[in-house]
Amino acid sequence: MIKVYKEPPMHSAEHILNQTMIRMFGCERSKNSHIERKKSKCDYFLSHEPSAIQISEIENKVNDIIGQNLQVYASLVDRENVQNFIDLSKLPENVSQTLRLVYVGEYDTCACIGEHVNNTNEIGTFKIISSDYSEGKLRLRFKLVDCPYKGNAE
């Protein structure tokens, strides 16, 4: 069964967080996440525990990207034409040849079937509410504050 995220602002924020973690720490996208309206979590595998300053930098970078009012959109692409930098490892083996790629401006591109906002200005403020690190796994728990999302007109 494929998990479809139905909280567009939180799910869009997760895409930005994933790309931020890739850029800051060179890790993979979260393979274990739980996305909900009130609070969410993502796990990342890192070789060392990030400092409190780095955790704050993650939050600041995610909010910087949200504040750029980037368009969030999807396109259908034949799997053979997907660029190498796009991680397809979470896709089931029997996925169709046509993939839906979701773009957050030019900041992130990811194969995804979930629902998203139309623009990052619909997300609100990203807040990391807690983090812990154990045995190479960083768990970030986060929420959105002052989220203006009212639903897509689609």
N, C-alpha and C. Protein backbone atom coordinates (compact mmCIF):
# COMPACT_ATOMS: atom_id res chain seq x y z
N MET A 1 0.84 -1.18 0.00
CA MET A 1 0.00 0.00 0.00
C MET A 1 0.88 1.24 0.00
N ILE A 2 0.59 2.19 -0.88
CA ILE A 2 1.36 3.42 -0.99
C ILE A 2 0.75 4.46 -0.06
N LYS A 3 1.62 5.11 0.71
CA LYS A 3 1.18 6.14 1.63
C LYS A 3 1.06 7.46 0.87
N VAL A 4 -0.11 8.11 0.96
CA VAL A 4 -0.34 9.40 0.32
C VAL A 4 -0.54 10.44 1.40
N TYR A 5 0.33 11.43 1.43
CA TYR A 5 0.22 12.50 2.42
C TYR A 5 -0.86 13.48 2.01
N LYS A 6 -1.76 13.78 2.95
CA LYS A 6 -2.90 14.64 2.65
C LYS A 6 -2.85 15.96 3.38
N GLU A 7 -1.74 16.33 3.93
CA GLU A 7 -1.58 17.61 4.60
C GLU A 7 -0.64 18.46 3.75
N PRO A 8 -1.18 19.13 2.73
CA PRO A 8 -0.32 19.82 1.76
C PRO A 8 0.74 20.76 2.35
N PRO A 9 0.44 21.63 3.32
CA PRO A 9 1.50 22.51 3.82
C PRO A 9 2.62 21.73 4.51
N MET A 10 2.25 20.77 5.35
CA MET A 10 3.25 20.00 6.09
C MET A 10 4.05 19.12 5.14
N HIS A 11 3.38 18.53 4.16
CA HIS A 11 4.09 17.67 3.22
C HIS A 11 5.04 18.49 2.34
N SER A 12 4.62 19.67 1.93
CA SER A 12 5.51 20.55 1.15
C SER A 12 6.71 20.97 1.99
N ALA A 13 6.47 21.26 3.28
CA ALA A 13 7.57 21.61 4.18
C ALA A 13 8.55 20.43 4.32
N GLU A 14 8.01 19.21 4.33
CA GLU A 14 8.88 18.03 4.40
C GLU A 14 9.81 17.97 3.19
N HIS A 15 9.32 18.28 2.01
CA HIS A 15 10.17 18.28 0.82
C HIS A 15 11.32 19.28 1.00
N ILE A 16 11.00 20.47 1.50
CA ILE A 16 12.03 21.49 1.71
C ILE A 16 13.02 21.03 2.78
N LEU A 17 12.53 20.45 3.86
CA LEU A 17 13.41 19.93 4.91
C LEU A 17 14.33 18.85 4.35
N ASN A 18 13.79 17.92 3.56
CA ASN A 18 14.63 16.87 2.98
C ASN A 18 15.76 17.45 2.16
N GLN A 19 15.46 18.40 1.30
CA GLN A 19 16.50 18.99 0.45
C GLN A 19 17.50 19.77 1.29
N THR A 20 17.03 20.43 2.34
CA THR A 20 17.92 21.15 3.23
C THR A 20 18.89 20.20 3.91
N MET A 21 18.40 19.05 4.36
CA MET A 21 19.26 18.06 5.00
C MET A 21 20.29 17.50 4.02
N ILE A 22 19.88 17.26 2.80
CA ILE A 22 20.80 16.79 1.76
C ILE A 22 21.91 17.80 1.56
N ARG A 23 21.54 19.06 1.43
CA ARG A 23 22.53 20.12 1.16
C ARG A 23 23.44 20.39 2.36
N MET A 24 22.88 20.35 3.56
CA MET A 24 23.69 20.67 4.74
C MET A 24 24.56 19.50 5.21
N PHE A 25 24.06 18.27 5.10
CA PHE A 25 24.75 17.13 5.70
C PHE A 25 25.14 16.04 4.71
N GLY A 26 24.72 16.17 3.45
CA GLY A 26 25.06 15.16 2.45
C GLY A 26 24.38 13.83 2.69
N CYS A 27 23.29 13.82 3.43
CA CYS A 27 22.57 12.58 3.73
C CYS A 27 21.50 12.33 2.67
N GLU A 28 20.81 11.22 2.80
CA GLU A 28 19.69 10.91 1.92
C GLU A 28 18.42 11.55 2.46
N ARG A 29 17.39 11.59 1.61
CA ARG A 29 16.07 12.02 2.05
C ARG A 29 15.61 11.11 3.18
N SER A 30 14.71 11.58 3.99
CA SER A 30 14.17 10.77 5.07
C SER A 30 13.49 9.52 4.50
N LYS A 31 13.85 8.38 5.02
CA LYS A 31 13.21 7.12 4.62
C LYS A 31 12.08 6.77 5.58
N ASN A 32 12.05 7.45 6.73
CA ASN A 32 11.03 7.20 7.73
C ASN A 32 10.48 8.55 8.18
N SER A 33 9.27 8.83 7.79
CA SER A 33 8.64 10.09 8.19
C SER A 33 7.19 9.82 8.57
N HIS A 34 6.69 10.70 9.39
CA HIS A 34 5.28 10.65 9.78
C HIS A 34 4.77 12.08 9.68
N ILE A 35 3.92 12.34 8.70
CA ILE A 35 3.47 13.69 8.41
C ILE A 35 2.02 13.84 8.84
N GLU A 36 1.78 14.76 9.75
CA GLU A 36 0.44 15.05 10.26
C GLU A 36 0.24 16.56 10.29
N ARG A 37 -1.00 16.99 10.43
CA ARG A 37 -1.30 18.42 10.43
C ARG A 37 -0.67 19.14 11.62
N LYS A 38 -0.78 18.59 12.83
CA LYS A 38 -0.32 19.29 14.03
C LYS A 38 1.19 19.22 14.24
N LYS A 39 1.78 18.06 14.00
CA LYS A 39 3.23 17.91 14.12
C LYS A 39 3.66 16.72 13.30
N SER A 40 4.91 16.73 12.89
CA SER A 40 5.45 15.68 12.03
C SER A 40 6.85 15.32 12.49
N LYS A 41 7.36 14.23 11.91
CA LYS A 41 8.74 13.83 12.22
C LYS A 41 9.40 13.23 11.00
N CYS A 42 10.70 13.40 10.91
CA CYS A 42 11.51 12.79 9.87
C CYS A 42 12.79 12.28 10.50
N ASP A 43 13.28 11.15 10.02
CA ASP A 43 14.53 10.57 10.49
C ASP A 43 15.59 10.66 9.39
N TYR A 44 16.80 11.00 9.80
CA TYR A 44 17.93 11.10 8.87
C TYR A 44 19.11 10.34 9.47
N PHE A 45 19.86 9.67 8.62
CA PHE A 45 21.03 8.94 9.08
C PHE A 45 22.27 9.79 8.82
N LEU A 46 22.94 10.14 9.92
CA LEU A 46 24.10 11.03 9.89
C LEU A 46 25.26 10.39 10.64
N SER A 47 26.47 10.76 10.27
CA SER A 47 27.66 10.19 10.91
C SER A 47 27.94 10.82 12.27
N HIS A 48 27.33 11.97 12.55
CA HIS A 48 27.55 12.64 13.84
C HIS A 48 26.31 13.44 14.23
N GLU A 49 26.21 13.72 15.49
CA GLU A 49 25.07 14.49 16.00
C GLU A 49 25.24 15.96 15.66
N PRO A 50 24.24 16.57 15.03
CA PRO A 50 24.32 18.00 14.75
C PRO A 50 24.30 18.82 16.05
N SER A 51 24.99 19.93 16.04
CA SER A 51 25.00 20.83 17.20
C SER A 51 23.67 21.58 17.27
N ALA A 52 23.43 22.21 18.40
CA ALA A 52 22.23 23.04 18.56
C ALA A 52 22.23 24.17 17.52
N ILE A 53 23.40 24.68 17.22
CA ILE A 53 23.50 25.74 16.20
C ILE A 53 23.10 25.19 14.83
N GLN A 54 23.53 23.98 14.50
CA GLN A 54 23.16 23.38 13.22
C GLN A 54 21.65 23.11 13.14
N ILE A 55 21.06 22.67 14.25
CA ILE A 55 19.60 22.45 14.26
C ILE A 55 18.89 23.77 13.99
N SER A 56 19.37 24.83 14.60
CA SER A 56 18.79 26.16 14.35
C SER A 56 19.00 26.58 12.90
N GLU A 57 20.15 26.26 12.34
CA GLU A 57 20.43 26.58 10.93
C GLU A 57 19.48 25.82 9.99
N ILE A 58 19.15 24.58 10.33
CA ILE A 58 18.19 23.82 9.52
C ILE A 58 16.86 24.57 9.49
N GLU A 59 16.37 24.93 10.67
CA GLU A 59 15.10 25.66 10.76
C GLU A 59 15.16 26.97 9.98
N ASN A 60 16.24 27.71 10.12
CA ASN A 60 16.38 28.99 9.42
C ASN A 60 16.40 28.81 7.90
N LYS A 61 17.11 27.79 7.43
CA LYS A 61 17.20 27.56 5.99
C LYS A 61 15.85 27.16 5.42
N VAL A 62 15.12 26.27 6.11
CA VAL A 62 13.79 25.88 5.64
C VAL A 62 12.89 27.11 5.56
N ASN A 63 12.93 27.97 6.58
CA ASN A 63 12.11 29.18 6.56
C ASN A 63 12.55 30.17 5.49
N ASP A 64 13.85 30.20 5.21
CA ASP A 64 14.34 31.05 4.12
C ASP A 64 13.74 30.60 2.79
N ILE A 65 13.73 29.31 2.54
CA ILE A 65 13.17 28.78 1.28
C ILE A 65 11.67 29.03 1.24
N ILE A 66 10.96 28.79 2.34
CA ILE A 66 9.52 29.07 2.38
C ILE A 66 9.27 30.53 2.04
N GLY A 67 10.08 31.42 2.58
CA GLY A 67 9.92 32.86 2.37
C GLY A 67 10.22 33.34 0.97
N GLN A 68 10.77 32.47 0.13
CA GLN A 68 11.07 32.86 -1.26
C GLN A 68 9.85 32.78 -2.17
N ASN A 69 8.71 32.37 -1.63
CA ASN A 69 7.46 32.28 -2.41
C ASN A 69 7.66 31.50 -3.70
N LEU A 70 8.19 30.30 -3.55
CA LEU A 70 8.47 29.46 -4.71
C LEU A 70 7.20 28.73 -5.15
N GLN A 71 7.04 28.60 -6.45
CA GLN A 71 5.93 27.83 -6.99
C GLN A 71 6.18 26.35 -6.72
N VAL A 72 5.11 25.64 -6.33
CA VAL A 72 5.17 24.19 -6.13
C VAL A 72 4.25 23.58 -7.17
N TYR A 73 4.81 22.71 -7.99
CA TYR A 73 4.03 22.16 -9.10
C TYR A 73 4.50 20.75 -9.42
N ALA A 74 3.69 20.05 -10.17
CA ALA A 74 4.00 18.67 -10.54
C ALA A 74 4.00 18.52 -12.05
N SER A 75 4.75 17.54 -12.53
CA SER A 75 4.71 17.18 -13.95
C SER A 75 4.88 15.67 -14.05
N LEU A 76 4.33 15.12 -15.12
CA LEU A 76 4.46 13.69 -15.38
C LEU A 76 5.64 13.48 -16.31
N VAL A 77 6.48 12.50 -15.95
CA VAL A 77 7.71 12.25 -16.70
C VAL A 77 7.86 10.74 -16.88
N ASP A 78 8.30 10.34 -18.05
CA ASP A 78 8.60 8.93 -18.27
C ASP A 78 9.82 8.58 -17.42
N ARG A 79 9.74 7.44 -16.75
CA ARG A 79 10.80 7.03 -15.83
C ARG A 79 12.18 7.06 -16.47
N GLU A 80 12.26 6.73 -17.74
CA GLU A 80 13.56 6.72 -18.43
C GLU A 80 14.16 8.12 -18.57
N ASN A 81 13.32 9.15 -18.45
CA ASN A 81 13.80 10.53 -18.60
C ASN A 81 14.04 11.24 -17.28
N VAL A 82 13.95 10.52 -16.16
CA VAL A 82 14.19 11.11 -14.86
C VAL A 82 15.70 11.31 -14.68
N GLN A 83 16.06 12.50 -14.25
CA GLN A 83 17.48 12.81 -14.07
C GLN A 83 18.06 12.01 -12.92
N ASN A 84 19.36 11.73 -12.98
CA ASN A 84 20.04 10.86 -12.01
C ASN A 84 19.98 11.36 -10.59
N PHE A 85 19.90 12.67 -10.36
CA PHE A 85 19.93 13.21 -9.01
C PHE A 85 18.61 13.02 -8.26
N ILE A 86 17.57 12.56 -8.94
CA ILE A 86 16.27 12.38 -8.31
C ILE A 86 16.22 10.99 -7.69
N ASP A 87 15.99 10.95 -6.39
CA ASP A 87 15.98 9.70 -5.63
C ASP A 87 14.68 8.95 -5.88
N LEU A 88 14.79 7.77 -6.43
CA LEU A 88 13.62 6.92 -6.69
C LEU A 88 13.58 5.71 -5.75
N SER A 89 14.42 5.70 -4.73
CA SER A 89 14.56 4.51 -3.89
C SER A 89 13.32 4.20 -3.04
N LYS A 90 12.44 5.15 -2.80
CA LYS A 90 11.25 4.89 -1.99
C LYS A 90 10.08 4.38 -2.83
N LEU A 91 10.25 4.33 -4.15
CA LEU A 91 9.16 3.89 -5.01
C LEU A 91 9.00 2.37 -4.94
N PRO A 92 7.77 1.90 -4.97
CA PRO A 92 7.56 0.45 -5.01
C PRO A 92 8.07 -0.15 -6.32
N GLU A 93 8.39 -1.42 -6.31
CA GLU A 93 8.95 -2.08 -7.49
C GLU A 93 8.00 -2.05 -8.69
N ASN A 94 6.70 -2.12 -8.43
CA ASN A 94 5.73 -2.19 -9.52
C ASN A 94 5.17 -0.82 -9.92
N VAL A 95 5.91 0.24 -9.63
CA VAL A 95 5.45 1.59 -9.98
C VAL A 95 5.34 1.74 -11.50
N SER A 96 4.44 2.58 -11.92
CA SER A 96 4.22 2.77 -13.36
C SER A 96 5.45 3.39 -14.03
N GLN A 97 5.49 3.30 -15.34
CA GLN A 97 6.59 3.88 -16.11
C GLN A 97 6.52 5.40 -16.10
N THR A 98 5.33 5.96 -15.90
CA THR A 98 5.16 7.41 -15.83
C THR A 98 5.17 7.82 -14.37
N LEU A 99 6.08 8.74 -14.03
CA LEU A 99 6.21 9.20 -12.65
C LEU A 99 5.74 10.65 -12.52
N ARG A 100 5.23 10.98 -11.36
CA ARG A 100 4.84 12.35 -11.05
C ARG A 100 5.98 12.97 -10.23
N LEU A 101 6.60 13.99 -10.81
CA LEU A 101 7.66 14.71 -10.11
C LEU A 101 7.07 15.99 -9.54
N VAL A 102 7.40 16.28 -8.28
CA VAL A 102 6.96 17.51 -7.63
C VAL A 102 8.18 18.41 -7.48
N TYR A 103 8.01 19.66 -7.87
CA TYR A 103 9.07 20.66 -7.84
C TYR A 103 8.72 21.74 -6.82
N VAL A 104 9.68 22.11 -6.00
CA VAL A 104 9.56 23.28 -5.13
C VAL A 104 10.53 24.28 -5.72
N GLY A 105 9.99 25.13 -6.63
CA GLY A 105 10.85 26.04 -7.38
C GLY A 105 11.98 25.25 -8.00
N GLU A 106 13.18 25.78 -7.90
CA GLU A 106 14.37 25.05 -8.35
C GLU A 106 15.12 24.45 -7.17
N TYR A 107 14.51 24.50 -5.98
CA TYR A 107 15.18 24.02 -4.78
C TYR A 107 15.12 22.51 -4.64
N ASP A 108 13.98 21.91 -4.95
CA ASP A 108 13.82 20.47 -4.74
C ASP A 108 12.98 19.86 -5.85
N THR A 109 13.33 18.65 -6.22
CA THR A 109 12.54 17.84 -7.16
C THR A 109 12.50 16.43 -6.58
N CYS A 110 11.29 15.87 -6.54
CA CYS A 110 11.12 14.56 -5.92
C CYS A 110 9.95 13.84 -6.56
N ALA A 111 10.09 12.54 -6.78
CA ALA A 111 8.97 11.72 -7.23
C ALA A 111 8.00 11.61 -6.05
N CYS A 112 6.74 11.95 -6.29
CA CYS A 112 5.80 12.02 -5.17
C CYS A 112 4.36 11.98 -5.68
N ILE A 113 3.48 11.30 -4.92
CA ILE A 113 2.07 11.28 -5.27
C ILE A 113 1.23 12.08 -4.28
N GLY A 114 1.88 12.68 -3.28
CA GLY A 114 1.17 13.41 -2.24
C GLY A 114 0.62 14.75 -2.69
N GLU A 115 -0.20 15.34 -1.83
CA GLU A 115 -0.79 16.65 -2.10
C GLU A 115 0.14 17.74 -1.58
N HIS A 116 0.17 18.86 -2.29
CA HIS A 116 1.07 19.96 -1.97
C HIS A 116 0.37 21.30 -2.10
N VAL A 117 0.97 22.33 -1.50
CA VAL A 117 0.50 23.69 -1.70
C VAL A 117 0.87 24.12 -3.12
N ASN A 118 0.34 25.25 -3.57
CA ASN A 118 0.71 25.78 -4.88
C ASN A 118 1.95 26.67 -4.82
N ASN A 119 2.20 27.25 -3.64
CA ASN A 119 3.31 28.18 -3.47
C ASN A 119 3.79 28.05 -2.03
N THR A 120 5.08 28.22 -1.82
CA THR A 120 5.62 28.09 -0.46
C THR A 120 5.03 29.14 0.49
N ASN A 121 4.45 30.22 -0.05
CA ASN A 121 3.86 31.23 0.84
C ASN A 121 2.60 30.72 1.53
N GLU A 122 2.15 29.52 1.21
CA GLU A 122 0.98 28.90 1.87
C GLU A 122 1.38 28.00 3.03
N ILE A 123 2.67 27.88 3.31
CA ILE A 123 3.14 26.93 4.33
C ILE A 123 3.12 27.52 5.73
N GLY A 124 3.50 28.75 5.91
CA GLY A 124 3.63 29.33 7.25
C GLY A 124 5.07 29.22 7.73
N THR A 125 5.26 29.26 9.03
CA THR A 125 6.59 29.22 9.63
C THR A 125 6.90 27.82 10.13
N PHE A 126 8.06 27.32 9.74
CA PHE A 126 8.53 25.99 10.11
C PHE A 126 9.26 26.08 11.45
N LYS A 127 8.87 25.23 12.40
CA LYS A 127 9.50 25.23 13.73
C LYS A 127 9.92 23.81 14.09
N ILE A 128 11.19 23.62 14.41
CA ILE A 128 11.65 22.35 14.94
C ILE A 128 11.31 22.35 16.43
N ILE A 129 10.48 21.42 16.85
CA ILE A 129 10.04 21.41 18.25
C ILE A 129 10.91 20.51 19.12
N SER A 130 11.59 19.54 18.51
CA SER A 130 12.56 18.75 19.25
C SER A 130 13.40 17.93 18.28
N SER A 131 14.53 17.47 18.79
CA SER A 131 15.40 16.59 18.00
C SER A 131 16.13 15.67 18.96
N ASP A 132 16.45 14.50 18.47
CA ASP A 132 17.31 13.61 19.24
C ASP A 132 18.15 12.79 18.26
N TYR A 133 19.29 12.35 18.76
CA TYR A 133 20.24 11.61 17.94
C TYR A 133 20.65 10.36 18.69
N SER A 134 20.53 9.21 18.04
CA SER A 134 20.92 7.95 18.66
C SER A 134 21.32 6.96 17.57
N GLU A 135 22.45 6.32 17.77
CA GLU A 135 22.93 5.27 16.87
C GLU A 135 22.91 5.69 15.40
N GLY A 136 23.34 6.92 15.14
CA GLY A 136 23.45 7.41 13.77
C GLY A 136 22.18 7.96 13.17
N LYS A 137 21.10 8.00 13.96
CA LYS A 137 19.81 8.49 13.43
C LYS A 137 19.41 9.78 14.13
N LEU A 138 19.18 10.80 13.33
CA LEU A 138 18.66 12.07 13.82
C LEU A 138 17.17 12.11 13.57
N ARG A 139 16.39 12.31 14.62
CA ARG A 139 14.95 12.48 14.47
C ARG A 139 14.62 13.94 14.72
N LEU A 140 13.98 14.55 13.73
CA LEU A 140 13.51 15.93 13.85
C LEU A 140 12.00 15.92 13.94
N ARG A 141 11.47 16.58 14.96
CA ARG A 141 10.02 16.76 15.10
C ARG A 141 9.74 18.23 14.83
N PHE A 142 8.71 18.48 14.02
CA PHE A 142 8.45 19.86 13.63
C PHE A 142 6.97 20.14 13.48
N LYS A 143 6.65 21.41 13.45
CA LYS A 143 5.28 21.86 13.24
C LYS A 143 5.32 23.12 12.39
N LEU A 144 4.14 23.53 11.95
CA LEU A 144 3.99 24.78 11.21
C LEU A 144 3.19 25.74 12.06
N VAL A 145 3.62 27.00 12.06
CA VAL A 145 2.95 28.05 12.82
C VAL A 145 2.40 29.07 11.82
N ASP A 146 1.23 29.60 12.12
CA ASP A 146 0.61 30.63 11.28
C ASP A 146 0.48 30.19 9.82
N CYS A 147 0.05 28.98 9.62
CA CYS A 147 -0.10 28.43 8.28
C CYS A 147 -1.34 29.05 7.61
N PRO A 148 -1.15 29.75 6.48
CA PRO A 148 -2.27 30.41 5.81
C PRO A 148 -3.02 29.54 4.83
N TYR A 149 -2.63 28.29 4.67
CA TYR A 149 -3.22 27.41 3.66
C TYR A 149 -4.72 27.26 3.86
N LYS A 150 -5.48 27.43 2.78
CA LYS A 150 -6.93 27.30 2.82
C LYS A 150 -7.43 26.21 1.89
N GLY A 151 -6.55 25.54 1.22
CA GLY A 151 -6.93 24.48 0.30
C GLY A 151 -6.75 24.92 -1.14
N ASN A 152 -6.44 23.96 -1.98
CA ASN A 152 -6.24 24.24 -3.40
C ASN A 152 -7.58 24.30 -4.11
N ALA A 153 -7.64 25.10 -5.15
CA ALA A 153 -8.86 25.26 -5.93
C ALA A 153 -9.00 24.15 -6.98
N GLU A 154 -8.06 23.21 -7.02
CA GLU A 154 -8.07 22.14 -8.03
C GLU A 154 -9.27 21.24 -7.87
